[in-house]
Amino acid sequence: MSFAFNFDIRNAEFIKYLNGTISKSNNLLDVMEEIGSELESEIRLNFEQEQTPYGEPWKALSASTQESRRSGKGSGSNKILRDTGDLFNSITHNADRSEVEVGTSKEYGAVHQDGSDDIPARIFLPTEEDGLPNDWEDTIDEIVINHFRTVV
């Protein structure tokens, strides 16, 4: 993946719980796959709502971008970060037994995430600085706890 964020388990209390039950679970890959799918869904929902993972609206398209789209460049859509749909459709995840990486294979994703001289930042992935949104963390906790409830 060209631009992504990683989720790994760092909560000490949660790790203690996991260590006590991990031997009862043969494979955490299913859990990480489920987490990856859920995070993909959250990111796509943010694209639909044109907002950051933290609920802040993305900066509107400039008048020149809107005019350019109306005059035949791109799809003609006025949806932010959705001109061709390539970035949206490239959101994916890779999971293994201990972590999941969620992001895009599109190199230009970093420009939209971080911004540049000409393009404002439109954060579509959680940032290292702000971490995962609380509701995303709650969902991940539920997925993991539900998995271990079935193996304990």
C-alpha atoms as a PDB file:
ATOM      1  CA  MET A   1       0.000   0.000   0.000  1.00  0.00           C
ATOM      2  CA  SER A   2       1.312   3.421  -0.865  1.00  0.00           C
ATOM      3  CA  PHE A   3      -0.395   5.316   1.927  1.00  0.00           C
ATOM      4  CA  ALA A   4      -1.904   3.679   4.979  1.00  0.00           C
ATOM      5  CA  PHE A   5      -2.195   3.566   8.717  1.00  0.00           C
ATOM      6  CA  ASN A   6      -1.619   0.557  10.935  1.00  0.00           C
ATOM      7  CA  PHE A   7      -3.730  -0.649  13.804  1.00  0.00           C
ATOM      8  CA  ASP A   8      -2.032  -2.712  16.427  1.00  0.00           C
ATOM      9  CA  ILE A   9      -3.020  -3.556  19.962  1.00  0.00           C
ATOM     10  CA  ARG A  10      -1.339  -1.314  22.563  1.00  0.00           C
ATOM     11  CA  ASN A  11      -3.830  -1.107  25.417  1.00  0.00           C
ATOM     12  CA  ALA A  12      -2.056  -2.776  28.372  1.00  0.00           C
ATOM     13  CA  GLU A  13      -5.221  -4.084  30.033  1.00  0.00           C
ATOM     14  CA  PHE A  14      -6.454  -5.453  26.747  1.00  0.00           C
ATOM     15  CA  ILE A  15      -3.090  -7.130  26.057  1.00  0.00           C
ATOM     16  CA  LYS A  16      -3.256  -8.778  29.491  1.00  0.00           C
ATOM     17  CA  TYR A  17      -6.718 -10.113  28.615  1.00  0.00           C
ATOM     18  CA  LEU A  18      -5.445 -11.314  25.257  1.00  0.00           C
ATOM     19  CA  ASN A  19      -2.437 -13.052  26.777  1.00  0.00           C
ATOM     20  CA  GLY A  20      -4.770 -14.984  29.050  1.00  0.00           C
ATOM     21  CA  THR A  21      -6.942 -16.193  26.201  1.00  0.00           C
ATOM     22  CA  ILE A  22      -4.678 -16.157  23.153  1.00  0.00           C
ATOM     23  CA  SER A  23      -3.766 -19.831  23.458  1.00  0.00           C
ATOM     24  CA  LYS A  24      -7.447 -20.681  23.117  1.00  0.00           C
ATOM     25  CA  SER A  25      -7.634 -18.990  19.746  1.00  0.00           C
ATOM     26  CA  ASN A  26      -5.718 -20.644  16.925  1.00  0.00           C
ATOM     27  CA  ASN A  27      -5.902 -17.761  14.525  1.00  0.00           C
ATOM     28  CA  LEU A  28      -6.354 -14.029  14.939  1.00  0.00           C
ATOM     29  CA  LEU A  29      -6.334 -13.484  11.186  1.00  0.00           C
ATOM     30  CA  ASP A  30     -10.147 -13.641  11.083  1.00  0.00           C
ATOM     31  CA  VAL A  31     -10.324 -10.924  13.758  1.00  0.00           C
ATOM     32  CA  MET A  32      -7.858  -8.695  11.927  1.00  0.00           C
ATOM     33  CA  GLU A  33      -9.725  -9.236   8.636  1.00  0.00           C
ATOM     34  CA  GLU A  34     -12.985  -8.204  10.314  1.00  0.00           C
ATOM     35  CA  ILE A  35     -11.326  -5.127  11.805  1.00  0.00           C
ATOM     36  CA  GLY A  36      -9.880  -4.226   8.393  1.00  0.00           C
ATOM     37  CA  SER A  37     -13.270  -4.558   6.715  1.00  0.00           C
ATOM     38  CA  GLU A  38     -14.892  -2.412   9.391  1.00  0.00           C
ATOM     39  CA  LEU A  39     -12.232   0.301   9.087  1.00  0.00           C
ATOM     40  CA  GLU A  40     -12.619   0.299   5.289  1.00  0.00           C
ATOM     41  CA  SER A  41     -16.358   0.848   5.768  1.00  0.00           C
ATOM     42  CA  GLU A  42     -15.736   3.725   8.164  1.00  0.00           C
ATOM     43  CA  ILE A  43     -13.343   5.393   5.708  1.00  0.00           C
ATOM     44  CA  ARG A  44     -15.799   4.996   2.816  1.00  0.00           C
ATOM     45  CA  LEU A  45     -18.566   6.467   4.965  1.00  0.00           C
ATOM     46  CA  ASN A  46     -16.344   9.487   5.594  1.00  0.00           C
ATOM     47  CA  PHE A  47     -15.901   9.881   1.820  1.00  0.00           C
ATOM     48  CA  GLU A  48     -19.689   9.835   1.435  1.00  0.00           C
ATOM     49  CA  GLN A  49     -20.070  12.404   4.216  1.00  0.00           C
ATOM     50  CA  GLU A  50     -17.072  14.437   2.966  1.00  0.00           C
ATOM     51  CA  GLN A  51     -15.499  14.602   6.395  1.00  0.00           C
ATOM     52  CA  THR A  52     -12.446  13.512   8.351  1.00  0.00           C
ATOM     53  CA  PRO A  53     -12.553  10.409  10.563  1.00  0.00           C
ATOM     54  CA  TYR A  54     -13.005  12.905  13.413  1.00  0.00           C
ATOM     55  CA  GLY A  55     -16.202  14.415  11.962  1.00  0.00           C
ATOM     56  CA  GLU A  56     -14.687  17.646  10.631  1.00  0.00           C
ATOM     57  CA  PRO A  57     -15.935  18.650   7.159  1.00  0.00           C
ATOM     58  CA  TRP A  58     -13.457  18.650   4.299  1.00  0.00           C
ATOM     59  CA  LYS A  59     -12.672  21.994   2.715  1.00  0.00           C
ATOM     60  CA  ALA A  60     -15.056  22.645  -0.191  1.00  0.00           C
ATOM     61  CA  LEU A  61     -13.857  22.363  -3.771  1.00  0.00           C
ATOM     62  CA  SER A  62     -12.475  25.596  -5.150  1.00  0.00           C
ATOM     63  CA  ALA A  63     -14.508  27.472  -7.746  1.00  0.00           C
ATOM     64  CA  SER A  64     -11.849  26.715 -10.356  1.00  0.00           C
ATOM     65  CA  THR A  65     -12.026  22.965  -9.635  1.00  0.00           C
ATOM     66  CA  GLN A  66     -15.803  23.021  -9.880  1.00  0.00           C
ATOM     67  CA  GLU A  67     -15.621  24.910 -13.178  1.00  0.00           C
ATOM     68  CA  SER A  68     -12.981  22.544 -14.529  1.00  0.00           C
ATOM     69  CA  ARG A  69     -15.181  19.543 -13.756  1.00  0.00           C
ATOM     70  CA  ARG A  70     -18.227  21.158 -15.399  1.00  0.00           C
ATOM     71  CA  SER A  71     -16.225  21.874 -18.547  1.00  0.00           C
ATOM     72  CA  GLY A  72     -15.353  18.243 -19.174  1.00  0.00           C
ATOM     73  CA  LYS A  73     -12.305  17.466 -17.052  1.00  0.00           C
ATOM     74  CA  GLY A  74     -13.009  14.420 -14.931  1.00  0.00           C
ATOM     75  CA  SER A  75     -16.481  13.060 -14.297  1.00  0.00           C
ATOM     76  CA  GLY A  76     -18.234  16.361 -13.733  1.00  0.00           C
ATOM     77  CA  SER A  77     -18.949  15.386 -10.125  1.00  0.00           C
ATOM     78  CA  ASN A  78     -18.817  18.054  -7.440  1.00  0.00           C
ATOM     79  CA  LYS A  79     -18.136  15.456  -4.759  1.00  0.00           C
ATOM     80  CA  ILE A  80     -14.900  16.100  -2.902  1.00  0.00           C
ATOM     81  CA  LEU A  81     -12.191  13.467  -3.583  1.00  0.00           C
ATOM     82  CA  ARG A  82     -14.651  11.585  -5.805  1.00  0.00           C
ATOM     83  CA  ASP A  83     -14.017  12.973  -9.297  1.00  0.00           C
ATOM     84  CA  THR A  84     -13.095   9.632 -10.873  1.00  0.00           C
ATOM     85  CA  GLY A  85     -13.741   7.408  -7.858  1.00  0.00           C
ATOM     86  CA  ASP A  86     -10.255   5.896  -8.089  1.00  0.00           C
ATOM     87  CA  LEU A  87      -9.126   6.989  -4.619  1.00  0.00           C
ATOM     88  CA  PHE A  88     -12.396   5.894  -2.999  1.00  0.00           C
ATOM     89  CA  ASN A  89     -12.307   2.537  -4.781  1.00  0.00           C
ATOM     90  CA  SER A  90      -8.673   1.948  -3.822  1.00  0.00           C
ATOM     91  CA  ILE A  91      -9.338   1.892  -0.070  1.00  0.00           C
ATOM     92  CA  THR A  92      -8.373  -1.593   1.088  1.00  0.00           C
ATOM     93  CA  HIS A  93      -6.716  -3.487   3.898  1.00  0.00           C
ATOM     94  CA  ASN A  94      -4.026  -6.096   4.476  1.00  0.00           C
ATOM     95  CA  ALA A  95      -4.209  -8.197   7.605  1.00  0.00           C
ATOM     96  CA  ASP A  96      -2.078 -10.764   9.340  1.00  0.00           C
ATOM     97  CA  ARG A  97      -2.360 -12.416  12.766  1.00  0.00           C
ATOM     98  CA  SER A  98      -1.187  -9.363  14.707  1.00  0.00           C
ATOM     99  CA  GLU A  99      -2.039  -6.220  12.734  1.00  0.00           C
ATOM    100  CA  VAL A 100      -4.098  -4.748   9.981  1.00  0.00           C
ATOM    101  CA  GLU A 101      -3.039  -2.011   7.568  1.00  0.00           C
ATOM    102  CA  VAL A 102      -5.748   0.086   5.960  1.00  0.00           C
ATOM    103  CA  GLY A 103      -5.101   2.584   3.192  1.00  0.00           C
ATOM    104  CA  THR A 104      -4.855   3.203  -0.507  1.00  0.00           C
ATOM    105  CA  SER A 105      -2.548   2.006  -3.258  1.00  0.00           C
ATOM    106  CA  LYS A 106      -2.817   5.415  -4.916  1.00  0.00           C
ATOM    107  CA  GLU A 107       0.375   7.431  -4.455  1.00  0.00           C
ATOM    108  CA  TYR A 108      -1.562  10.703  -4.651  1.00  0.00           C
ATOM    109  CA  GLY A 109      -3.566   9.729  -1.564  1.00  0.00           C
ATOM    110  CA  ALA A 110      -0.829  11.248   0.577  1.00  0.00           C
ATOM    111  CA  VAL A 111      -1.237  14.615  -1.169  1.00  0.00           C
ATOM    112  CA  HIS A 112      -4.950  14.668  -0.377  1.00  0.00           C
ATOM    113  CA  GLN A 113      -4.376  13.470   3.194  1.00  0.00           C
ATOM    114  CA  ASP A 114      -1.589  15.938   3.971  1.00  0.00           C
ATOM    115  CA  GLY A 115      -2.278  18.727   1.482  1.00  0.00           C
ATOM    116  CA  SER A 116       0.225  20.610  -0.662  1.00  0.00           C
ATOM    117  CA  ASP A 117       0.830  24.155  -1.844  1.00  0.00           C
ATOM    118  CA  ASP A 118      -2.156  23.918  -4.202  1.00  0.00           C
ATOM    119  CA  ILE A 119      -4.348  21.296  -2.546  1.00  0.00           C
ATOM    120  CA  PRO A 120      -5.845  21.598   0.946  1.00  0.00           C
ATOM    121  CA  ALA A 121      -5.517  18.620   3.288  1.00  0.00           C
ATOM    122  CA  ARG A 122      -8.630  16.482   3.279  1.00  0.00           C
ATOM    123  CA  ILE A 123      -7.895  13.889   5.912  1.00  0.00           C
ATOM    124  CA  PHE A 124      -9.517  10.577   5.014  1.00  0.00           C
ATOM    125  CA  LEU A 125      -7.415   8.255   7.185  1.00  0.00           C
ATOM    126  CA  PRO A 126      -6.849   8.586  10.922  1.00  0.00           C
ATOM    127  CA  THR A 127      -3.668  10.468  11.714  1.00  0.00           C
ATOM    128  CA  GLU A 128      -0.861   9.282  13.934  1.00  0.00           C
ATOM    129  CA  GLU A 129      -1.224  12.493  15.930  1.00  0.00           C
ATOM    130  CA  ASP A 130      -4.947  12.069  16.656  1.00  0.00           C
ATOM    131  CA  GLY A 131      -5.131   8.270  16.658  1.00  0.00           C
ATOM    132  CA  LEU A 132      -8.271   6.298  15.969  1.00  0.00           C
ATOM    133  CA  PRO A 133     -11.592   8.005  16.619  1.00  0.00           C
ATOM    134  CA  ASN A 134     -13.182   6.782  19.853  1.00  0.00           C
ATOM    135  CA  ASP A 135     -16.133   5.154  18.115  1.00  0.00           C
ATOM    136  CA  TRP A 136     -13.739   3.237  15.841  1.00  0.00           C
ATOM    137  CA  GLU A 137     -11.816   2.025  18.897  1.00  0.00           C
ATOM    138  CA  ASP A 138     -15.094   0.932  20.507  1.00  0.00           C
ATOM    139  CA  THR A 139     -16.016  -1.045  17.388  1.00  0.00           C
ATOM    140  CA  ILE A 140     -12.607  -2.727  17.323  1.00  0.00           C
ATOM    141  CA  ASP A 141     -12.904  -3.606  21.015  1.00  0.00           C
ATOM    142  CA  GLU A 142     -16.306  -5.192  20.331  1.00  0.00           C
ATOM    143  CA  ILE A 143     -14.951  -7.250  17.435  1.00  0.00           C
ATOM    144  CA  VAL A 144     -12.037  -8.581  19.475  1.00  0.00           C
ATOM    145  CA  ILE A 145     -14.060  -9.233  22.622  1.00  0.00           C
ATOM    146  CA  ASN A 146     -16.789 -11.004  20.647  1.00  0.00           C
ATOM    147  CA  HIS A 147     -14.154 -13.209  19.038  1.00  0.00           C
ATOM    148  CA  PHE A 148     -12.676 -14.219  22.373  1.00  0.00           C
ATOM    149  CA  ARG A 149     -16.096 -14.828  23.879  1.00  0.00           C
ATOM    150  CA  THR A 150     -16.585 -17.525  21.282  1.00  0.00           C
ATOM    151  CA  VAL A 151     -13.254 -19.235  22.033  1.00  0.00           C
ATOM    152  CA  VAL A 152     -13.176 -18.935  25.828  1.00  0.00           C
END
